[in-house]
Amino acid sequence: MTTPGNFIWYELMTTDAEAAEAFYGDVVGWDPKDSGHPDMRYTLLNVGAAPVAGLMTIPDDCGPDMKPAWTGYIWAQDVDAKSKEVEQLGGKVYREPADIPNVGRFAVVADPQGATFQLFAPSMTDQGDMPKPPVQGTIGWHELNTENWQGAFDFYSRLFGWTKDQAIDMGDMGTYQLFAAGAEAVGGMMNRMDKSVPPMWNFYFCVDNIDAAQERVTSKGGKVLFGPQEVPGGAFILQCLDPQGAMFCLVGMRS
């Protein structure tokens, strides 16, 4: 069960929603379904009968500079109060709190180093029996690449109560600091190696087999940026771009 202060939803804003539906359906194994929203096309990405993410065309009010990207929603019981706290802690509010009828209340914000995320208070807090990692199509990891992970951790720990888990020494790449949102580690933070890429959150989608997934990425028009690379626990990761240019990551075993 997801708890307040943890990631609760994931969303792709893209330039070609129909193409993205087909790509991620093939690569990750999601079953795309129209949400039935009366005013816009919003696609739910399902694992079985359970929606775990969504995608939509970039809205016009985002402006011409908005690029395709994944974003994460973090459960805030009081979006208005948390938005003010984001600003008090040095972050920014890009979109003031607003209601999505019958869905919840949200705000678009950024941490002090510029990584964006969304605050979200769902109308319905009972998610039922949701699939959990490493089930194919679930979200297995959350990773913040930033300028100063120590400062970023201080921000998120004060905002959401996150705690430090294991710290991994990666040599020249610095420290990879795992964080917990509750009892278990759900992600990691590190200083970005590529200074041309702004601070951002990356999300790792679980797949059945990392090598088969790599083949699906490239055959469907995506690009592998890094990997497969083995990580602690024996799984392998890929960092990729989809055909529209949004970055995403995959995690899975080798058979």
C-alpha atoms as a PDB file:
ATOM      1  CA  MET A   1       0.000   0.000   0.000  1.00  0.00           C
ATOM      2  CA  THR A   2       1.430   3.379  -0.992  1.00  0.00           C
ATOM      3  CA  THR A   3       1.565   5.844   1.890  1.00  0.00           C
ATOM      4  CA  PRO A   4       1.680   9.666   2.061  1.00  0.00           C
ATOM      5  CA  GLY A   5       5.149  10.949   1.227  1.00  0.00           C
ATOM      6  CA  ASN A   6       5.745   8.224  -1.366  1.00  0.00           C
ATOM      7  CA  PHE A   7       5.380   8.176  -5.147  1.00  0.00           C
ATOM      8  CA  ILE A   8       1.820   7.306  -6.103  1.00  0.00           C
ATOM      9  CA  TRP A   9       1.554   8.005  -9.858  1.00  0.00           C
ATOM     10  CA  TYR A  10       3.688   8.465 -12.964  1.00  0.00           C
ATOM     11  CA  GLU A  11       2.858  10.423 -16.093  1.00  0.00           C
ATOM     12  CA  LEU A  12       4.314  10.917 -19.541  1.00  0.00           C
ATOM     13  CA  MET A  13       3.692  14.161 -21.392  1.00  0.00           C
ATOM     14  CA  THR A  14       4.620  13.676 -25.019  1.00  0.00           C
ATOM     15  CA  THR A  15       4.253  15.036 -28.545  1.00  0.00           C
ATOM     16  CA  ASP A  16       2.633  11.904 -30.005  1.00  0.00           C
ATOM     17  CA  ALA A  17       0.389  10.118 -27.544  1.00  0.00           C
ATOM     18  CA  GLU A  18      -0.744   7.412 -29.962  1.00  0.00           C
ATOM     19  CA  ALA A  19       2.835   6.462 -30.868  1.00  0.00           C
ATOM     20  CA  ALA A  20       3.861   6.493 -27.198  1.00  0.00           C
ATOM     21  CA  GLU A  21       0.986   4.169 -26.285  1.00  0.00           C
ATOM     22  CA  ALA A  22       2.181   1.640 -28.855  1.00  0.00           C
ATOM     23  CA  PHE A  23       5.852   1.971 -27.898  1.00  0.00           C
ATOM     24  CA  TYR A  24       5.406   1.468 -24.162  1.00  0.00           C
ATOM     25  CA  GLY A  25       2.822  -1.238 -24.690  1.00  0.00           C
ATOM     26  CA  ASP A  26       5.420  -3.205 -26.642  1.00  0.00           C
ATOM     27  CA  VAL A  27       8.498  -2.357 -24.563  1.00  0.00           C
ATOM     28  CA  VAL A  28       7.133  -2.472 -21.012  1.00  0.00           C
ATOM     29  CA  GLY A  29       4.060  -4.611 -21.561  1.00  0.00           C
ATOM     30  CA  TRP A  30       1.505  -2.067 -20.383  1.00  0.00           C
ATOM     31  CA  ASP A  31      -2.090  -2.365 -21.563  1.00  0.00           C
ATOM     32  CA  PRO A  32      -3.175   1.137 -22.674  1.00  0.00           C
ATOM     33  CA  LYS A  33      -6.794   2.099 -21.959  1.00  0.00           C
ATOM     34  CA  ASP A  34      -8.577   5.392 -22.520  1.00  0.00           C
ATOM     35  CA  SER A  35      -9.473   7.011 -19.206  1.00  0.00           C
ATOM     36  CA  GLY A  36     -12.844   8.229 -20.458  1.00  0.00           C
ATOM     37  CA  HIS A  37     -12.040  11.821 -19.528  1.00  0.00           C
ATOM     38  CA  PRO A  38     -14.687  13.955 -21.285  1.00  0.00           C
ATOM     39  CA  ASP A  39     -12.446  16.956 -22.063  1.00  0.00           C
ATOM     40  CA  MET A  40      -9.147  15.409 -23.121  1.00  0.00           C
ATOM     41  CA  ARG A  41      -7.430  12.229 -24.224  1.00  0.00           C
ATOM     42  CA  TYR A  42      -5.717  10.660 -21.236  1.00  0.00           C
ATOM     43  CA  THR A  43      -4.430   7.099 -21.476  1.00  0.00           C
ATOM     44  CA  LEU A  44      -4.093   4.788 -18.491  1.00  0.00           C
ATOM     45  CA  LEU A  45      -1.191   2.338 -18.624  1.00  0.00           C
ATOM     46  CA  ASN A  46      -2.313  -0.850 -16.906  1.00  0.00           C
ATOM     47  CA  VAL A  47      -0.711  -3.897 -15.359  1.00  0.00           C
ATOM     48  CA  GLY A  48      -3.574  -6.348 -15.679  1.00  0.00           C
ATOM     49  CA  ALA A  49      -6.590  -4.424 -14.430  1.00  0.00           C
ATOM     50  CA  ALA A  50      -4.537  -2.000 -12.335  1.00  0.00           C
ATOM     51  CA  PRO A  51      -3.528   1.411 -13.740  1.00  0.00           C
ATOM     52  CA  VAL A  52       0.027   2.305 -12.706  1.00  0.00           C
ATOM     53  CA  ALA A  53       0.781   5.324 -14.947  1.00  0.00           C
ATOM     54  CA  GLY A  54      -0.733   7.624 -17.539  1.00  0.00           C
ATOM     55  CA  LEU A  55       0.182   9.535 -20.654  1.00  0.00           C
ATOM     56  CA  MET A  56      -1.117  12.542 -22.509  1.00  0.00           C
ATOM     57  CA  THR A  57      -0.193  15.051 -25.198  1.00  0.00           C
ATOM     58  CA  ILE A  58       1.716  18.054 -23.861  1.00  0.00           C
ATOM     59  CA  PRO A  59      -0.943  20.705 -23.120  1.00  0.00           C
ATOM     60  CA  ASP A  60      -0.770  23.987 -25.018  1.00  0.00           C
ATOM     61  CA  ASP A  61      -0.461  25.963 -21.784  1.00  0.00           C
ATOM     62  CA  CYS A  62       2.910  24.309 -21.074  1.00  0.00           C
ATOM     63  CA  GLY A  63       4.437  26.459 -23.816  1.00  0.00           C
ATOM     64  CA  PRO A  64       6.596  25.595 -26.840  1.00  0.00           C
ATOM     65  CA  ASP A  65       9.726  24.805 -24.801  1.00  0.00           C
ATOM     66  CA  MET A  66       8.184  21.833 -22.990  1.00  0.00           C
ATOM     67  CA  LYS A  67       9.891  18.606 -24.065  1.00  0.00           C
ATOM     68  CA  PRO A  68       8.513  15.061 -23.737  1.00  0.00           C
ATOM     69  CA  ALA A  69       9.215  13.845 -20.217  1.00  0.00           C
ATOM     70  CA  TRP A  70       8.102  11.527 -17.437  1.00  0.00           C
ATOM     71  CA  THR A  71       7.115  13.020 -14.102  1.00  0.00           C
ATOM     72  CA  GLY A  72       6.286  11.516 -10.735  1.00  0.00           C
ATOM     73  CA  TYR A  73       3.435  12.357  -8.364  1.00  0.00           C
ATOM     74  CA  ILE A  74       4.173  12.250  -4.633  1.00  0.00           C
ATOM     75  CA  TRP A  75       1.281  11.771  -2.229  1.00  0.00           C
ATOM     76  CA  ALA A  76       0.701  14.908  -0.146  1.00  0.00           C
ATOM     77  CA  GLN A  77      -2.245  14.869   2.215  1.00  0.00           C
ATOM     78  CA  ASP A  78      -2.513  18.678   1.973  1.00  0.00           C
ATOM     79  CA  VAL A  79      -1.301  19.888  -1.437  1.00  0.00           C
ATOM     80  CA  ASP A  80      -1.777  23.573  -0.588  1.00  0.00           C
ATOM     81  CA  ALA A  81       0.275  23.368   2.593  1.00  0.00           C
ATOM     82  CA  LYS A  82       3.006  21.313   0.929  1.00  0.00           C
ATOM     83  CA  SER A  83       3.208  23.777  -1.970  1.00  0.00           C
ATOM     84  CA  LYS A  84       3.906  26.576   0.473  1.00  0.00           C
ATOM     85  CA  GLU A  85       6.475  24.394   2.228  1.00  0.00           C
ATOM     86  CA  VAL A  86       8.221  23.721  -1.095  1.00  0.00           C
ATOM     87  CA  GLU A  87       8.718  27.479  -1.500  1.00  0.00           C
ATOM     88  CA  GLN A  88       9.807  27.916   2.116  1.00  0.00           C
ATOM     89  CA  LEU A  89      12.486  25.262   1.559  1.00  0.00           C
ATOM     90  CA  GLY A  90      13.815  26.998  -1.559  1.00  0.00           C
ATOM     91  CA  GLY A  91      11.856  25.213  -4.275  1.00  0.00           C
ATOM     92  CA  LYS A  92       9.412  26.610  -6.824  1.00  0.00           C
ATOM     93  CA  VAL A  93       5.718  26.206  -7.562  1.00  0.00           C
ATOM     94  CA  TYR A  94       5.152  26.096 -11.323  1.00  0.00           C
ATOM     95  CA  ARG A  95       1.432  25.434 -11.163  1.00  0.00           C
ATOM     96  CA  GLU A  96      -0.623  26.417  -8.169  1.00  0.00           C
ATOM     97  CA  PRO A  97      -2.786  23.763  -6.501  1.00  0.00           C
ATOM     98  CA  ALA A  98      -5.866  22.833  -8.526  1.00  0.00           C
ATOM     99  CA  ASP A  99      -8.521  20.144  -8.525  1.00  0.00           C
ATOM    100  CA  ILE A 100      -8.970  17.382 -11.077  1.00  0.00           C
ATOM    101  CA  PRO A 101     -12.672  16.479 -10.741  1.00  0.00           C
ATOM    102  CA  ASN A 102     -13.204  13.023  -9.223  1.00  0.00           C
ATOM    103  CA  VAL A 103      -9.417  12.399  -9.253  1.00  0.00           C
ATOM    104  CA  GLY A 104      -7.730  14.641  -6.707  1.00  0.00           C
ATOM    105  CA  ARG A 105      -5.822  17.852  -6.103  1.00  0.00           C
ATOM    106  CA  PHE A 106      -2.359  18.510  -7.522  1.00  0.00           C
ATOM    107  CA  ALA A 107       0.403  21.081  -7.957  1.00  0.00           C
ATOM    108  CA  VAL A 108       3.488  21.162 -10.172  1.00  0.00           C
ATOM    109  CA  VAL A 109       6.635  22.037  -8.235  1.00  0.00           C
ATOM    110  CA  ALA A 110      10.424  21.779  -8.353  1.00  0.00           C
ATOM    111  CA  ASP A 111      13.090  21.215  -5.743  1.00  0.00           C
ATOM    112  CA  PRO A 112      15.746  23.928  -5.130  1.00  0.00           C
ATOM    113  CA  GLN A 113      18.034  22.422  -7.794  1.00  0.00           C
ATOM    114  CA  GLY A 114      15.319  22.354 -10.449  1.00  0.00           C
ATOM    115  CA  ALA A 115      14.089  18.747 -10.551  1.00  0.00           C
ATOM    116  CA  THR A 116      10.325  18.831 -11.117  1.00  0.00           C
ATOM    117  CA  PHE A 117       7.679  16.631  -9.529  1.00  0.00           C
ATOM    118  CA  GLN A 118       4.023  16.872  -8.660  1.00  0.00           C
ATOM    119  CA  LEU A 119       2.237  16.964  -5.344  1.00  0.00           C
ATOM    120  CA  PHE A 120      -0.956  14.950  -5.366  1.00  0.00           C
ATOM    121  CA  ALA A 121      -3.801  14.260  -2.965  1.00  0.00           C
ATOM    122  CA  PRO A 122      -5.986  11.535  -4.492  1.00  0.00           C
ATOM    123  CA  SER A 123      -9.741  11.603  -4.003  1.00  0.00           C
ATOM    124  CA  MET A 124      -9.675   7.866  -3.331  1.00  0.00           C
ATOM    125  CA  THR A 125      -6.864   6.691  -1.064  1.00  0.00           C
ATOM    126  CA  ASP A 126      -7.673   2.974  -1.144  1.00  0.00           C
ATOM    127  CA  GLN A 127      -5.682   1.561  -4.052  1.00  0.00           C
ATOM    128  CA  GLY A 128      -6.786  -1.988  -3.432  1.00  0.00           C
ATOM    129  CA  ASP A 129      -4.514  -4.878  -4.300  1.00  0.00           C
ATOM    130  CA  MET A 130      -1.906  -3.146  -6.468  1.00  0.00           C
ATOM    131  CA  PRO A 131       0.839  -5.148  -8.209  1.00  0.00           C
ATOM    132  CA  LYS A 132       4.282  -4.678  -6.712  1.00  0.00           C
ATOM    133  CA  PRO A 133       7.834  -4.835  -8.093  1.00  0.00           C
ATOM    134  CA  PRO A 134       9.297  -6.873  -9.679  1.00  0.00           C
ATOM    135  CA  VAL A 135       6.007  -7.621 -11.484  1.00  0.00           C
ATOM    136  CA  GLN A 136       6.401  -6.591 -15.122  1.00  0.00           C
ATOM    137  CA  GLY A 137       5.122  -3.055 -15.700  1.00  0.00           C
ATOM    138  CA  THR A 138       5.393  -1.865 -12.112  1.00  0.00           C
ATOM    139  CA  ILE A 139       7.746   0.952 -11.169  1.00  0.00           C
ATOM    140  CA  GLY A 140      10.720  -0.589  -9.442  1.00  0.00           C
ATOM    141  CA  TRP A 141      12.947   2.375  -8.577  1.00  0.00           C
ATOM    142  CA  HIS A 142      13.117   6.178  -8.401  1.00  0.00           C
ATOM    143  CA  GLU A 143      16.386   7.965  -9.085  1.00  0.00           C
ATOM    144  CA  LEU A 144      17.286  11.614  -8.664  1.00  0.00           C
ATOM    145  CA  ASN A 145      20.220  12.900 -10.694  1.00  0.00           C
ATOM    146  CA  THR A 146      21.076  16.314  -9.320  1.00  0.00           C
ATOM    147  CA  GLU A 147      23.789  18.894  -8.680  1.00  0.00           C
ATOM    148  CA  ASN A 148      24.172  18.241  -4.958  1.00  0.00           C
ATOM    149  CA  TRP A 149      22.508  15.116  -3.619  1.00  0.00           C
ATOM    150  CA  GLN A 150      23.165  16.055   0.013  1.00  0.00           C
ATOM    151  CA  GLY A 151      21.214  19.285  -0.411  1.00  0.00           C
ATOM    152  CA  ALA A 152      18.490  17.463  -2.319  1.00  0.00           C
ATOM    153  CA  PHE A 153      18.158  14.836   0.385  1.00  0.00           C
ATOM    154  CA  ASP A 154      17.817  17.551   3.033  1.00  0.00           C
ATOM    155  CA  PHE A 155      14.976  19.132   1.025  1.00  0.00           C
ATOM    156  CA  TYR A 156      13.020  15.894   0.505  1.00  0.00           C
ATOM    157  CA  SER A 157      13.600  14.631   4.031  1.00  0.00           C
ATOM    158  CA  ARG A 158      12.215  17.841   5.477  1.00  0.00           C
ATOM    159  CA  LEU A 159       9.311  17.914   3.029  1.00  0.00           C
ATOM    160  CA  PHE A 160       8.275  14.248   3.150  1.00  0.00           C
ATOM    161  CA  GLY A 161      10.172  12.660   6.035  1.00  0.00           C
ATOM    162  CA  TRP A 162      12.368  10.493   3.793  1.00  0.00           C
ATOM    163  CA  THR A 163      15.256   8.773   5.537  1.00  0.00           C
ATOM    164  CA  LYS A 164      18.682   7.611   4.446  1.00  0.00           C
ATOM    165  CA  ASP A 165      19.217   3.961   3.641  1.00  0.00           C
ATOM    166  CA  GLN A 166      22.444   2.398   2.353  1.00  0.00           C
ATOM    167  CA  ALA A 167      25.124   4.631   0.789  1.00  0.00           C
ATOM    168  CA  ILE A 168      27.066   3.058  -2.093  1.00  0.00           C
ATOM    169  CA  ASP A 169      30.562   4.260  -2.991  1.00  0.00           C
ATOM    170  CA  MET A 170      30.769   4.441  -6.788  1.00  0.00           C
ATOM    171  CA  GLY A 171      34.375   5.599  -6.984  1.00  0.00           C
ATOM    172  CA  ASP A 172      34.860   8.477  -9.422  1.00  0.00           C
ATOM    173  CA  MET A 173      31.074   8.752  -9.785  1.00  0.00           C
ATOM    174  CA  GLY A 174      30.710   9.622  -6.102  1.00  0.00           C
ATOM    175  CA  THR A 175      28.133   8.384  -3.607  1.00  0.00           C
ATOM    176  CA  TYR A 176      24.845   6.775  -4.523  1.00  0.00           C
ATOM    177  CA  GLN A 177      22.568   7.453  -1.572  1.00  0.00           C
ATOM    178  CA  LEU A 178      19.535   5.229  -1.186  1.00  0.00           C
ATOM    179  CA  PHE A 179      16.475   6.735   0.480  1.00  0.00           C
ATOM    180  CA  ALA A 180      13.427   5.241   2.130  1.00  0.00           C
ATOM    181  CA  ALA A 181       9.876   6.584   2.048  1.00  0.00           C
ATOM    182  CA  GLY A 182       8.633   4.475   4.916  1.00  0.00           C
ATOM    183  CA  ALA A 183      10.283   1.226   5.912  1.00  0.00           C
ATOM    184  CA  GLU A 184      11.950   0.234   2.642  1.00  0.00           C
ATOM    185  CA  ALA A 185      14.335   1.919   0.218  1.00  0.00           C
ATOM    186  CA  VAL A 186      12.440   3.096  -2.878  1.00  0.00           C
ATOM    187  CA  GLY A 187      15.137   5.032  -4.715  1.00  0.00           C
ATOM    188  CA  GLY A 188      18.528   6.658  -4.836  1.00  0.00           C
ATOM    189  CA  MET A 189      20.160  10.045  -5.311  1.00  0.00           C
ATOM    190  CA  MET A 190      23.462  10.928  -6.954  1.00  0.00           C
ATOM    191  CA  ASN A 191      25.326  13.883  -8.395  1.00  0.00           C
ATOM    192  CA  ARG A 192      24.847  14.042 -12.146  1.00  0.00           C
ATOM    193  CA  MET A 193      27.846  13.227 -14.310  1.00  0.00           C
ATOM    194  CA  ASP A 194      26.558  14.949 -17.454  1.00  0.00           C
ATOM    195  CA  LYS A 195      26.292  18.650 -16.615  1.00  0.00           C
ATOM    196  CA  SER A 196      24.413  19.310 -19.865  1.00  0.00           C
ATOM    197  CA  VAL A 197      21.428  17.373 -18.501  1.00  0.00           C
ATOM    198  CA  PRO A 198      19.405  19.317 -15.905  1.00  0.00           C
ATOM    199  CA  PRO A 199      18.574  17.802 -12.513  1.00  0.00           C
ATOM    200  CA  MET A 200      15.737  15.344 -12.975  1.00  0.00           C
ATOM    201  CA  TRP A 201      13.899  12.331 -11.617  1.00  0.00           C
ATOM    202  CA  ASN A 202      14.192   9.061 -13.541  1.00  0.00           C
ATOM    203  CA  PHE A 203      11.854   6.101 -13.134  1.00  0.00           C
ATOM    204  CA  TYR A 204      12.718   2.433 -13.617  1.00  0.00           C
ATOM    205  CA  PHE A 205      10.005   0.228 -15.108  1.00  0.00           C
ATOM    206  CA  CYS A 206      10.199  -3.496 -14.384  1.00  0.00           C
ATOM    207  CA  VAL A 207      10.495  -5.817 -17.388  1.00  0.00           C
ATOM    208  CA  ASP A 208      10.516  -9.579 -17.816  1.00  0.00           C
ATOM    209  CA  ASN A 209      14.017  -9.872 -19.295  1.00  0.00           C
ATOM    210  CA  ILE A 210      16.466  -7.002 -19.743  1.00  0.00           C
ATOM    211  CA  ASP A 211      18.018  -8.295 -22.981  1.00  0.00           C
ATOM    212  CA  ALA A 212      14.646  -8.900 -24.607  1.00  0.00           C
ATOM    213  CA  ALA A 213      13.549  -5.431 -23.459  1.00  0.00           C
ATOM    214  CA  GLN A 214      16.660  -3.868 -24.977  1.00  0.00           C
ATOM    215  CA  GLU A 215      15.800  -5.445 -28.309  1.00  0.00           C
ATOM    216  CA  ARG A 216      12.248  -4.123 -28.070  1.00  0.00           C
ATOM    217  CA  VAL A 217      13.487  -0.601 -27.330  1.00  0.00           C
ATOM    218  CA  THR A 218      15.724  -0.411 -30.388  1.00  0.00           C
ATOM    219  CA  SER A 219      13.401  -2.271 -32.759  1.00  0.00           C
ATOM    220  CA  LYS A 220      10.530   0.088 -31.886  1.00  0.00           C
ATOM    221  CA  GLY A 221      12.523   3.260 -32.532  1.00  0.00           C
ATOM    222  CA  GLY A 222      13.920   4.017 -29.079  1.00  0.00           C
ATOM    223  CA  LYS A 223      17.551   4.513 -28.103  1.00  0.00           C
ATOM    224  CA  VAL A 224      19.632   2.897 -25.353  1.00  0.00           C
ATOM    225  CA  LEU A 225      21.830   5.470 -23.593  1.00  0.00           C
ATOM    226  CA  PHE A 226      23.426   3.208 -20.981  1.00  0.00           C
ATOM    227  CA  GLY A 227      23.505  -0.478 -20.093  1.00  0.00           C
ATOM    228  CA  PRO A 228      22.682  -3.195 -19.569  1.00  0.00           C
ATOM    229  CA  GLN A 229      24.513  -2.675 -16.264  1.00  0.00           C
ATOM    230  CA  GLU A 230      24.273  -5.057 -13.325  1.00  0.00           C
ATOM    231  CA  VAL A 231      23.172  -3.500 -10.041  1.00  0.00           C
ATOM    232  CA  PRO A 232      23.169  -4.839  -6.464  1.00  0.00           C
ATOM    233  CA  GLY A 233      20.734  -7.726  -6.158  1.00  0.00           C
ATOM    234  CA  GLY A 234      21.559  -9.225  -9.554  1.00  0.00           C
ATOM    235  CA  ALA A 235      19.188  -7.217 -11.737  1.00  0.00           C
ATOM    236  CA  PHE A 236      20.282  -5.193 -14.770  1.00  0.00           C
ATOM    237  CA  ILE A 237      19.309  -1.679 -15.784  1.00  0.00           C
ATOM    238  CA  LEU A 238      18.932   0.244 -19.027  1.00  0.00           C
ATOM    239  CA  GLN A 239      18.638   3.985 -19.471  1.00  0.00           C
ATOM    240  CA  CYS A 240      16.810   4.901 -22.672  1.00  0.00           C
ATOM    241  CA  LEU A 241      15.075   7.511 -24.802  1.00  0.00           C
ATOM    242  CA  ASP A 242      11.699   6.824 -26.355  1.00  0.00           C
ATOM    243  CA  PRO A 243      11.065   7.823 -30.005  1.00  0.00           C
ATOM    244  CA  GLN A 244       9.712  11.230 -28.949  1.00  0.00           C
ATOM    245  CA  GLY A 245      12.774  11.960 -26.767  1.00  0.00           C
ATOM    246  CA  ALA A 246      11.527  11.248 -23.236  1.00  0.00           C
ATOM    247  CA  MET A 247      14.027   9.533 -20.959  1.00  0.00           C
ATOM    248  CA  PHE A 248      12.991   6.362 -19.161  1.00  0.00           C
ATOM    249  CA  CYS A 249      14.729   3.453 -17.466  1.00  0.00           C
ATOM    250  CA  LEU A 250      14.169  -0.298 -17.306  1.00  0.00           C
ATOM    251  CA  VAL A 251      15.149  -2.870 -14.698  1.00  0.00           C
ATOM    252  CA  GLY A 252      15.013  -6.646 -15.019  1.00  0.00           C
ATOM    253  CA  MET A 253      16.860  -9.919 -14.707  1.00  0.00           C
ATOM    254  CA  ARG A 254      18.698 -11.967 -17.289  1.00  0.00           C
ATOM    255  CA  SER A 255      17.418 -15.482 -17.838  1.00  0.00           C
END
